[in-house]
Amino acid sequence: MKKNKGWMLLLTMLLITSLLAACSSGGESSQAGEDISTDPADIKGEITVLTQRTDIVDTVFKDYAAAFNKEYPDVKVNFQALADYEGQVKIRMSTKDYGDVLMIPTSVPIADIPDFFEPLGTYDELKDKYTGIEERMVDGQVYGIPTVITFSGIIYNKQVFKDAGITEVPKTPEQFQAALQLVKDNTDAIPLYTNYASGWALTQWESDLATVAGSVDYVNIDQPNTDENFMAGKPHYELYKVLYDAAKNGLIEKDPTTTDWESSKADLANGKIATMALGSWAITQIQGLTDTPDNIGFLPFPTNASDVVVPLAADYNIGMNVNSENKPAAKAWIDWFLAKSNYAVEQGGGMSADKSAELPPILDQYKDVTFSTLTPAKEGQEGLVDKIDNEGEIGLWQPDFKKRIIEAAIGNRSESYDDIMKDLNDKWVKARAELTK
């Protein structure tokens, strides 16, 4: 992975600071958390926890600290919430003062993580306990554990479905289109809200590729090795055909160019919108805007695949500052937070990384669905999908071609859906050939 100049500068500054403080006993990394006591009677002192959750730092997090102190009465937990989390933490990491526990900034190159964070255990020690720990792992050592495991699909209003006469959750694209039509015919709600104007919301559709494929291998294993990525019958074609058909049949908002993200959450919460394609992170936000939060449901993205797979992805990873002067207390907080706070479900809109935790209530009806992280790329093909995407200027995680699909469907462009898919596939084939020759 390439190291950007900003992080190289930070690393240089950190090394200089370390050399100047060579006589100090602080800041030495232990191996995989060795010599860090786990006995509450031995754990004392004060720690600072950095968080990006400015909205709940003075309420929910204080409750967490009180509950933590019932088990660890001799530890004082201080919180610092940062509005520009990535930017502010990046600056602070040029020193040793970036808290004791923090969310690992996504901009830190993987190879540089051991310079800033304490190992929490080896992969072999933690793989059976936690999901998604591979993302912040270096040389078999795990430096971060996901605070939330998110899942993607369709968020819907149960009352709207009931009012529309939808008696079963739609599973296939055909059933989903039929359900949207019932919403249009029998209610005043918008069947499918695209959030076209926001741009970023349209990128959420790409998260459902594995569900359409019915395989956790498709995204990183099969996709970079095919020249038919957007051809008819293939996952990308089937995924965005759902969006195209809904738009073409008048099952989306009347004027997509005037959509508004903030109001859409309230409208879904209160029955003015039936469905939106989003990640689970949005669930708690939407539920918080209604007096009937139980009306908000989740369904896997409609698919014709024989196996229903819902992809899981890690949110911010929690880690420990390698320079912490109170690593036992920091480690105790991390362990408690992951196992007992229920932050992942109640505040993160997802599920816990702890494999022993129960599925959140919103997923109770999906016992036969496979929830899984994606299979990593083959050795030597790490990041190949992104490279092909960038080389071909396709924009898998950009809104452009999704907007193009909607515009074509509602008649604002003269091209057909197949025209768009052929263009994307041609770009994919050319870029792939260039990168794999």
Protein backbone atom coordinates (compact mmCIF):
# COMPACT_ATOMS: atom_id res chain seq x y z
CA MET A 1 0.00 0.00 0.00
CA LYS A 2 1.37 3.40 -0.88
CA LYS A 3 2.10 5.72 2.02
CA ASN A 4 0.99 9.28 1.46
CA LYS A 5 3.29 12.15 2.32
CA GLY A 6 1.10 13.32 5.20
CA TRP A 7 1.42 10.09 7.08
CA MET A 8 5.14 9.82 6.33
CA LEU A 9 5.56 13.26 7.92
CA LEU A 10 3.55 12.21 10.95
CA LEU A 11 5.60 9.06 11.32
CA THR A 12 8.84 11.03 11.07
CA MET A 13 7.68 13.46 13.74
CA LEU A 14 6.61 10.60 15.98
CA LEU A 15 9.99 8.88 15.65
CA ILE A 16 11.80 12.12 16.51
CA THR A 17 9.59 12.57 19.56
CA SER A 18 10.28 8.98 20.62
CA LEU A 19 14.03 9.46 20.31
CA LEU A 20 13.93 12.63 22.41
CA ALA A 21 11.97 10.74 25.05
CA ALA A 22 14.13 7.63 24.92
CA CYS A 23 14.74 7.71 28.65
CA SER A 24 11.04 7.68 29.35
CA SER A 25 9.34 4.41 30.30
CA GLY A 26 6.09 5.26 28.46
CA GLY A 27 5.08 4.36 24.92
CA GLU A 28 6.71 0.96 24.52
CA SER A 29 4.53 -1.55 22.73
CA SER A 30 3.94 -4.92 24.33
CA GLN A 31 3.44 -7.95 22.11
CA ALA A 32 -0.23 -8.75 21.57
CA GLY A 33 -1.16 -7.21 24.89
CA GLU A 34 1.24 -9.24 27.04
CA ASP A 35 1.67 -8.13 30.66
CA ILE A 36 -1.66 -6.31 30.51
CA SER A 37 -3.60 -7.45 33.56
CA THR A 38 -7.25 -8.41 33.20
CA ASP A 39 -8.03 -8.62 36.92
CA PRO A 40 -10.39 -5.74 37.89
CA ALA A 41 -8.68 -5.54 41.27
CA ASP A 42 -5.41 -4.64 39.56
CA ILE A 43 -6.86 -2.13 37.14
CA LYS A 44 -6.80 1.46 38.33
CA GLY A 45 -6.14 4.96 37.09
CA GLU A 46 -7.47 7.26 34.43
CA ILE A 47 -7.96 6.94 30.68
CA THR A 48 -9.17 9.17 27.88
CA VAL A 49 -11.42 7.78 25.16
CA LEU A 50 -11.68 9.68 21.86
CA THR A 51 -14.95 9.35 19.94
CA GLN A 52 -16.57 10.65 16.78
CA ARG A 53 -20.02 10.48 18.42
CA THR A 54 -20.50 14.13 19.37
CA ASP A 55 -24.25 13.48 19.52
CA ILE A 56 -24.15 11.05 22.45
CA VAL A 57 -20.88 11.77 24.26
CA ASP A 58 -22.62 13.66 27.08
CA THR A 59 -25.49 11.21 27.48
CA VAL A 60 -25.05 7.62 26.35
CA PHE A 61 -21.30 7.52 26.88
CA LYS A 62 -21.66 8.77 30.44
CA ASP A 63 -24.06 5.90 31.07
CA TYR A 64 -21.45 3.53 29.63
CA ALA A 65 -18.84 4.89 32.03
CA ALA A 66 -21.17 4.42 35.00
CA ALA A 67 -21.85 0.81 34.01
CA PHE A 68 -18.14 0.18 33.42
CA ASN A 69 -17.32 1.55 36.88
CA LYS A 70 -19.53 -1.07 38.49
CA GLU A 71 -16.95 -3.61 37.36
CA TYR A 72 -13.91 -1.34 37.41
CA PRO A 73 -14.56 1.15 40.24
CA ASP A 74 -10.98 2.42 40.35
CA VAL A 75 -10.83 3.59 36.72
CA LYS A 76 -11.88 7.09 35.71
CA VAL A 77 -13.00 7.32 32.09
CA ASN A 78 -12.84 10.67 30.32
CA PHE A 79 -14.35 11.25 26.87
CA GLN A 80 -13.33 13.65 24.15
CA ALA A 81 -15.70 13.94 21.17
CA LEU A 82 -14.21 15.37 17.98
CA ALA A 83 -16.44 16.92 15.30
CA ASP A 84 -13.83 16.54 12.54
CA TYR A 85 -12.69 13.22 13.87
CA GLU A 86 -10.34 12.11 11.10
CA GLY A 87 -8.76 15.53 10.67
CA GLN A 88 -8.28 16.26 14.36
CA VAL A 89 -6.97 12.83 15.28
CA LYS A 90 -4.54 12.93 12.35
CA ILE A 91 -3.03 16.12 13.75
CA ARG A 92 -2.85 14.75 17.30
CA MET A 93 -1.11 11.60 16.13
CA SER A 94 1.98 13.67 15.32
CA THR A 95 2.43 13.58 19.11
CA LYS A 96 1.82 10.88 21.70
CA ASP A 97 -1.30 12.66 22.96
CA TYR A 98 -4.20 11.04 21.11
CA GLY A 99 -6.03 9.47 24.01
CA ASP A 100 -5.70 5.98 25.42
CA VAL A 101 -8.55 4.44 23.42
CA LEU A 102 -9.76 5.71 20.05
CA MET A 103 -11.31 4.80 16.73
CA ILE A 104 -8.49 4.03 14.30
CA PRO A 105 -8.66 6.68 11.54
CA THR A 106 -9.39 5.09 8.19
CA SER A 107 -6.67 7.22 6.60
CA VAL A 108 -3.87 5.50 8.52
CA PRO A 109 -2.05 3.17 6.09
CA ILE A 110 -2.31 -0.43 7.29
CA ALA A 111 1.47 -0.85 7.30
CA ASP A 112 1.84 2.14 9.66
CA ILE A 113 -0.68 0.98 12.25
CA PRO A 114 1.88 -0.74 14.57
CA ASP A 115 3.70 2.59 14.94
CA PHE A 116 0.63 4.13 16.54
CA PHE A 117 -1.44 1.34 18.08
CA GLU A 118 -1.03 -1.46 20.59
CA PRO A 119 -1.75 -5.03 19.45
CA LEU A 120 -4.91 -6.41 21.05
CA GLY A 121 -4.10 -10.04 20.36
CA THR A 122 -3.12 -12.34 17.54
CA TYR A 123 -5.48 -13.25 14.74
CA ASP A 124 -5.48 -16.89 15.85
CA GLU A 125 -6.45 -15.85 19.38
CA LEU A 126 -9.28 -13.55 18.30
CA LYS A 127 -10.67 -14.99 15.04
CA ASP A 128 -13.23 -17.23 16.76
CA LYS A 129 -14.42 -14.40 19.01
CA TYR A 130 -14.70 -11.41 16.67
CA THR A 131 -15.86 -10.71 13.11
CA GLY A 132 -14.01 -8.36 10.77
CA ILE A 133 -10.68 -8.18 12.57
CA GLU A 134 -8.69 -8.73 9.35
CA GLU A 135 -9.06 -5.09 8.29
CA ARG A 136 -6.64 -3.71 10.88
CA MET A 137 -4.25 -6.64 11.11
CA VAL A 138 -0.51 -6.53 10.47
CA ASP A 139 1.73 -9.61 10.46
CA GLY A 140 -0.85 -11.68 12.32
CA GLN A 141 -1.38 -9.08 15.06
CA VAL A 142 -4.81 -7.47 15.46
CA TYR A 143 -4.72 -3.75 16.22
CA GLY A 144 -8.40 -2.88 15.91
CA ILE A 145 -11.77 -4.53 16.46
CA PRO A 146 -14.93 -3.21 14.76
CA THR A 147 -17.25 -1.29 17.05
CA VAL A 148 -20.13 -2.07 14.70
CA ILE A 149 -20.68 -4.62 11.97
CA THR A 150 -23.06 -3.09 9.46
CA PHE A 151 -25.23 -4.86 6.90
CA SER A 152 -26.84 -3.62 3.71
CA GLY A 153 -30.19 -4.07 2.01
CA ILE A 154 -33.59 -2.39 1.98
CA ILE A 155 -34.94 -0.40 4.92
CA TYR A 156 -38.72 -0.27 4.81
CA ASN A 157 -41.79 0.90 6.69
CA LYS A 158 -43.82 -2.09 7.87
CA GLN A 159 -47.04 -0.12 8.29
CA VAL A 160 -46.87 1.12 4.71
CA PHE A 161 -46.40 -2.46 3.51
CA LYS A 162 -49.39 -3.53 5.58
CA ASP A 163 -51.55 -0.69 4.28
CA ALA A 164 -50.53 -1.57 0.72
CA GLY A 165 -51.64 -5.17 1.19
CA ILE A 166 -48.15 -6.71 1.09
CA THR A 167 -48.47 -9.87 3.16
CA GLU A 168 -44.98 -11.32 2.69
CA VAL A 169 -41.58 -9.69 2.57
CA PRO A 170 -40.48 -9.65 -1.09
CA LYS A 171 -37.45 -11.81 -1.81
CA THR A 172 -36.91 -11.62 -5.59
CA PRO A 173 -36.64 -8.58 -7.87
CA GLU A 174 -40.01 -9.48 -9.40
CA GLN A 175 -41.67 -9.67 -5.98
CA PHE A 176 -40.04 -6.40 -4.95
CA GLN A 177 -41.32 -4.56 -8.04
CA ALA A 178 -44.79 -5.99 -7.40
CA ALA A 179 -44.64 -4.78 -3.79
CA LEU A 180 -43.62 -1.29 -4.92
CA GLN A 181 -46.55 -1.24 -7.32
CA LEU A 182 -48.93 -2.16 -4.51
CA VAL A 183 -47.58 0.74 -2.47
CA LYS A 184 -48.23 3.10 -5.37
CA ASP A 185 -51.73 1.73 -6.02
CA ASN A 186 -52.95 1.52 -2.44
CA THR A 187 -51.17 4.24 -0.44
CA ASP A 188 -49.93 7.81 -0.75
CA ALA A 189 -46.35 6.79 0.08
CA ILE A 190 -43.44 6.97 -2.37
CA PRO A 191 -42.64 3.32 -3.12
CA LEU A 192 -38.84 3.65 -3.50
CA TYR A 193 -36.96 6.81 -2.59
CA THR A 194 -33.67 7.07 -4.49
CA ASN A 195 -32.17 10.13 -2.79
CA TYR A 196 -30.85 11.04 -6.23
CA ALA A 197 -29.90 14.62 -5.33
CA SER A 198 -27.65 13.60 -2.44
CA GLY A 199 -25.44 11.59 -4.75
CA TRP A 200 -23.71 9.63 -2.00
CA ALA A 201 -26.91 7.75 -1.07
CA LEU A 202 -26.97 6.16 -4.53
CA THR A 203 -23.58 4.60 -3.83
CA GLN A 204 -25.24 2.47 -1.14
CA TRP A 205 -26.60 0.20 -3.87
CA GLU A 206 -23.13 -1.14 -4.63
CA SER A 207 -23.02 -2.66 -1.13
CA ASP A 208 -25.69 -5.15 -2.21
CA LEU A 209 -23.67 -6.74 -5.02
CA ALA A 210 -22.85 -9.84 -2.96
CA THR A 211 -26.53 -10.40 -2.17
CA VAL A 212 -27.47 -10.31 -5.85
CA ALA A 213 -24.58 -12.68 -6.61
CA GLY A 214 -25.53 -14.98 -3.74
CA SER A 215 -21.87 -15.36 -2.87
CA VAL A 216 -19.35 -13.73 -0.54
CA ASP A 217 -16.66 -14.62 -3.10
CA TYR A 218 -18.03 -12.56 -5.97
CA VAL A 219 -16.89 -9.04 -5.09
CA ASN A 220 -13.19 -9.67 -4.48
CA ILE A 221 -12.58 -13.08 -6.10
CA ASP A 222 -14.83 -13.44 -9.15
CA GLN A 223 -15.35 -9.81 -10.15
CA PRO A 224 -11.71 -8.88 -10.85
CA ASN A 225 -11.34 -12.00 -13.00
CA THR A 226 -14.29 -11.54 -15.34
CA ASP A 227 -14.82 -9.58 -18.53
CA GLU A 228 -18.62 -9.82 -18.12
CA ASN A 229 -19.05 -7.67 -15.04
CA PHE A 230 -22.02 -5.70 -16.42
CA MET A 231 -23.42 -8.19 -18.92
CA ALA A 232 -27.05 -9.37 -18.79
CA GLY A 233 -27.58 -12.01 -16.15
CA LYS A 234 -24.52 -10.98 -14.15
CA PRO A 235 -24.78 -9.49 -10.63
CA HIS A 236 -24.13 -5.85 -11.56
CA TYR A 237 -26.69 -5.97 -14.35
CA GLU A 238 -29.34 -7.52 -12.09
CA LEU A 239 -28.56 -5.18 -9.19
CA TYR A 240 -29.09 -1.92 -11.04
CA LYS A 241 -31.98 -3.31 -13.12
CA VAL A 242 -34.00 -3.08 -9.90
CA LEU A 243 -33.31 0.67 -9.77
CA TYR A 244 -33.98 1.14 -13.48
CA ASP A 245 -37.27 -0.76 -13.48
CA ALA A 246 -38.58 1.09 -10.43
CA ALA A 247 -37.77 4.44 -11.99
CA LYS A 248 -39.18 3.48 -15.40
CA ASN A 249 -42.44 2.31 -13.84
CA GLY A 250 -42.95 5.51 -11.87
CA LEU A 251 -42.24 3.88 -8.52
CA ILE A 252 -39.76 6.50 -7.28
CA GLU A 253 -40.13 10.14 -6.25
CA LYS A 254 -41.75 12.39 -8.88
CA ASP A 255 -38.76 14.71 -9.22
CA PRO A 256 -35.56 12.91 -8.20
CA THR A 257 -33.48 16.09 -8.62
CA THR A 258 -35.16 17.67 -5.60
CA THR A 259 -34.65 14.88 -3.05
CA ASP A 260 -33.47 15.71 0.45
CA TRP A 261 -31.64 13.25 2.70
CA GLU A 262 -32.59 14.66 6.09
CA SER A 263 -36.30 14.93 5.31
CA SER A 264 -36.29 11.49 3.67
CA LYS A 265 -35.34 9.86 6.97
CA ALA A 266 -38.34 11.43 8.69
CA ASP A 267 -40.59 10.56 5.77
CA LEU A 268 -39.58 6.90 5.87
CA ALA A 269 -39.99 6.89 9.64
CA ASN A 270 -43.50 8.32 9.40
CA GLY A 271 -44.86 6.41 6.41
CA LYS A 272 -44.46 8.90 3.58
CA ILE A 273 -41.80 6.67 2.01
CA ALA A 274 -41.98 2.89 1.80
CA THR A 275 -38.41 1.81 1.03
CA MET A 276 -34.83 3.02 0.65
CA ALA A 277 -31.66 1.10 -0.24
CA LEU A 278 -29.29 1.85 2.64
CA GLY A 279 -26.87 0.36 5.11
CA SER A 280 -28.00 -0.61 8.58
CA TRP A 281 -26.18 2.40 10.03
CA ALA A 282 -29.25 4.45 9.03
CA ILE A 283 -31.74 2.32 10.98
CA THR A 284 -31.30 3.94 14.39
CA GLN A 285 -31.32 7.41 12.81
CA ILE A 286 -34.65 6.68 11.14
CA GLN A 287 -36.15 4.98 14.20
CA GLY A 288 -35.22 8.00 16.29
CA LEU A 289 -37.54 10.18 14.22
CA THR A 290 -40.78 8.36 14.97
CA ASP A 291 -42.92 7.36 17.93
CA THR A 292 -43.33 3.94 16.33
CA PRO A 293 -39.73 2.73 15.80
CA ASP A 294 -40.88 -0.89 15.50
CA ASN A 295 -42.47 0.03 12.16
CA ILE A 296 -38.99 0.28 10.66
CA GLY A 297 -37.85 -3.02 9.17
CA PHE A 298 -35.00 -4.47 7.15
CA LEU A 299 -35.09 -6.88 4.25
CA PRO A 300 -32.21 -8.37 2.27
CA PHE A 301 -31.79 -6.86 -1.18
CA PRO A 302 -34.08 -8.74 -3.62
CA THR A 303 -32.23 -11.53 -5.40
CA ASN A 304 -32.81 -14.59 -7.55
CA ALA A 305 -29.77 -16.30 -6.03
CA SER A 306 -30.41 -19.66 -4.40
CA ASP A 307 -28.50 -18.61 -1.28
CA VAL A 308 -29.41 -15.33 0.38
CA VAL A 309 -26.23 -13.62 1.54
CA VAL A 310 -26.17 -10.29 3.35
CA PRO A 311 -22.68 -8.77 3.29
CA LEU A 312 -21.20 -7.47 6.51
CA ALA A 313 -18.77 -4.58 6.74
CA ALA A 314 -16.85 -3.11 9.63
CA ASP A 315 -17.46 0.39 10.89
CA TYR A 316 -14.72 2.21 12.81
CA ASN A 317 -12.28 -0.10 14.61
CA ILE A 318 -11.53 0.58 18.25
CA GLY A 319 -7.85 0.52 19.19
CA MET A 320 -5.37 1.41 21.90
CA ASN A 321 -2.73 4.13 21.71
CA VAL A 322 0.69 2.46 21.75
CA ASN A 323 1.86 5.33 23.99
CA SER A 324 -0.86 4.88 26.60
CA GLU A 325 0.42 5.00 30.14
CA ASN A 326 -2.51 2.95 31.41
CA LYS A 327 -2.85 0.03 29.03
CA PRO A 328 -4.60 -2.32 31.49
CA ALA A 329 -7.45 0.18 31.97
CA ALA A 330 -7.55 0.94 28.24
CA LYS A 331 -7.75 -2.77 27.40
CA ALA A 332 -10.46 -3.28 30.04
CA TRP A 333 -12.53 -0.49 28.50
CA ILE A 334 -12.18 -1.95 25.00
CA ASP A 335 -13.19 -5.42 26.16
CA TRP A 336 -16.15 -4.11 28.16
CA PHE A 337 -17.33 -1.76 25.42
CA LEU A 338 -17.37 -4.52 22.81
CA ALA A 339 -18.99 -7.15 25.02
CA LYS A 340 -21.42 -5.26 27.23
CA SER A 341 -22.34 -1.77 26.01
CA ASN A 342 -24.60 -2.97 23.16
CA TYR A 343 -23.40 0.11 21.28
CA ALA A 344 -23.37 -1.77 17.98
CA VAL A 345 -27.12 -2.42 18.00
CA GLU A 346 -28.51 0.50 19.97
CA GLN A 347 -26.32 3.29 18.62
CA GLY A 348 -24.54 1.91 15.57
CA GLY A 349 -27.50 0.43 13.72
CA GLY A 350 -25.71 -2.85 13.15
CA MET A 351 -24.61 -5.95 14.97
CA SER A 352 -21.82 -6.70 17.39
CA ALA A 353 -18.43 -7.91 16.17
CA ASP A 354 -18.63 -10.40 19.05
CA LYS A 355 -19.63 -13.66 17.38
CA SER A 356 -21.40 -14.88 20.53
CA ALA A 357 -23.81 -11.93 20.50
CA GLU A 358 -27.37 -12.44 19.31
CA LEU A 359 -28.57 -10.88 16.08
CA PRO A 360 -30.32 -7.53 16.60
CA PRO A 361 -34.12 -7.83 16.90
CA ILE A 362 -34.67 -6.30 13.46
CA LEU A 363 -33.09 -9.45 11.96
CA ASP A 364 -35.02 -12.02 14.01
CA GLN A 365 -36.99 -13.22 10.98
CA TYR A 366 -33.86 -13.98 8.93
CA LYS A 367 -32.49 -17.07 10.62
CA ASP A 368 -32.05 -18.74 7.21
CA VAL A 369 -30.02 -15.85 5.78
CA THR A 370 -26.23 -15.94 5.73
CA PHE A 371 -24.66 -12.82 7.23
CA SER A 372 -20.98 -12.79 6.34
CA THR A 373 -18.01 -10.61 5.57
CA LEU A 374 -16.70 -10.74 2.02
CA THR A 375 -13.93 -13.12 1.05
CA PRO A 376 -10.65 -11.19 0.75
CA ALA A 377 -8.95 -10.91 -2.63
CA LYS A 378 -6.52 -13.56 -3.76
CA GLU A 379 -2.87 -12.98 -2.97
CA GLY A 380 -1.48 -10.64 -5.57
CA GLN A 381 -4.92 -9.24 -6.43
CA GLU A 382 -5.42 -7.08 -3.37
CA GLY A 383 -7.12 -3.85 -4.43
CA LEU A 384 -7.47 -4.99 -8.05
CA VAL A 385 -11.19 -4.18 -8.23
CA ASP A 386 -10.50 -0.59 -7.17
CA LYS A 387 -7.64 -0.32 -9.64
CA ILE A 388 -9.81 -1.50 -12.54
CA ASP A 389 -12.60 0.79 -11.41
CA ASN A 390 -10.28 3.80 -11.27
CA GLU A 391 -8.48 2.98 -14.52
CA GLY A 392 -11.76 2.62 -16.38
CA GLU A 393 -13.36 5.64 -14.66
CA ILE A 394 -16.40 3.47 -13.97
CA GLY A 395 -17.33 4.72 -10.51
CA LEU A 396 -18.55 1.65 -8.65
CA TRP A 397 -18.69 3.73 -5.47
CA GLN A 398 -19.58 7.00 -7.16
CA PRO A 399 -23.12 8.25 -7.95
CA ASP A 400 -22.58 9.08 -11.63
CA PHE A 401 -23.77 5.99 -13.46
CA LYS A 402 -26.56 5.44 -10.94
CA LYS A 403 -27.87 8.92 -11.79
CA ARG A 404 -27.45 8.07 -15.46
CA ILE A 405 -29.62 4.98 -14.98
CA ILE A 406 -32.37 6.96 -13.29
CA GLU A 407 -32.26 9.69 -15.93
CA ALA A 408 -32.52 7.13 -18.72
CA ALA A 409 -35.40 5.38 -16.99
CA ILE A 410 -37.49 8.52 -16.55
CA GLY A 411 -36.83 9.68 -20.11
CA ASN A 412 -34.26 12.41 -19.52
CA ARG A 413 -31.63 10.52 -21.54
CA SER A 414 -32.07 8.76 -24.88
CA GLU A 415 -29.98 5.69 -24.02
CA SER A 416 -31.41 2.38 -22.82
CA TYR A 417 -30.42 0.37 -19.76
CA ASP A 418 -28.56 -2.09 -21.97
CA ASP A 419 -26.69 0.81 -23.58
CA ILE A 420 -25.47 1.94 -20.19
CA MET A 421 -24.46 -1.54 -19.10
CA LYS A 422 -22.57 -2.17 -22.35
CA ASP A 423 -20.68 1.09 -21.96
CA LEU A 424 -19.70 0.22 -18.39
CA ASN A 425 -18.66 -3.29 -19.39
CA ASP A 426 -16.55 -2.02 -22.28
CA LYS A 427 -14.73 0.31 -19.89
CA TRP A 428 -14.25 -2.57 -17.43
CA VAL A 429 -12.82 -4.90 -20.07
CA LYS A 430 -10.41 -2.28 -21.41
CA ALA A 431 -9.18 -1.28 -17.95
CA ARG A 432 -8.83 -4.87 -16.80
CA ALA A 433 -6.80 -5.76 -19.88
CA GLU A 434 -4.50 -2.82 -19.24
CA LEU A 435 -3.90 -3.79 -15.61
CA THR A 436 -3.55 -7.54 -16.03
CA LYS A 437 -1.47 -7.75 -19.21
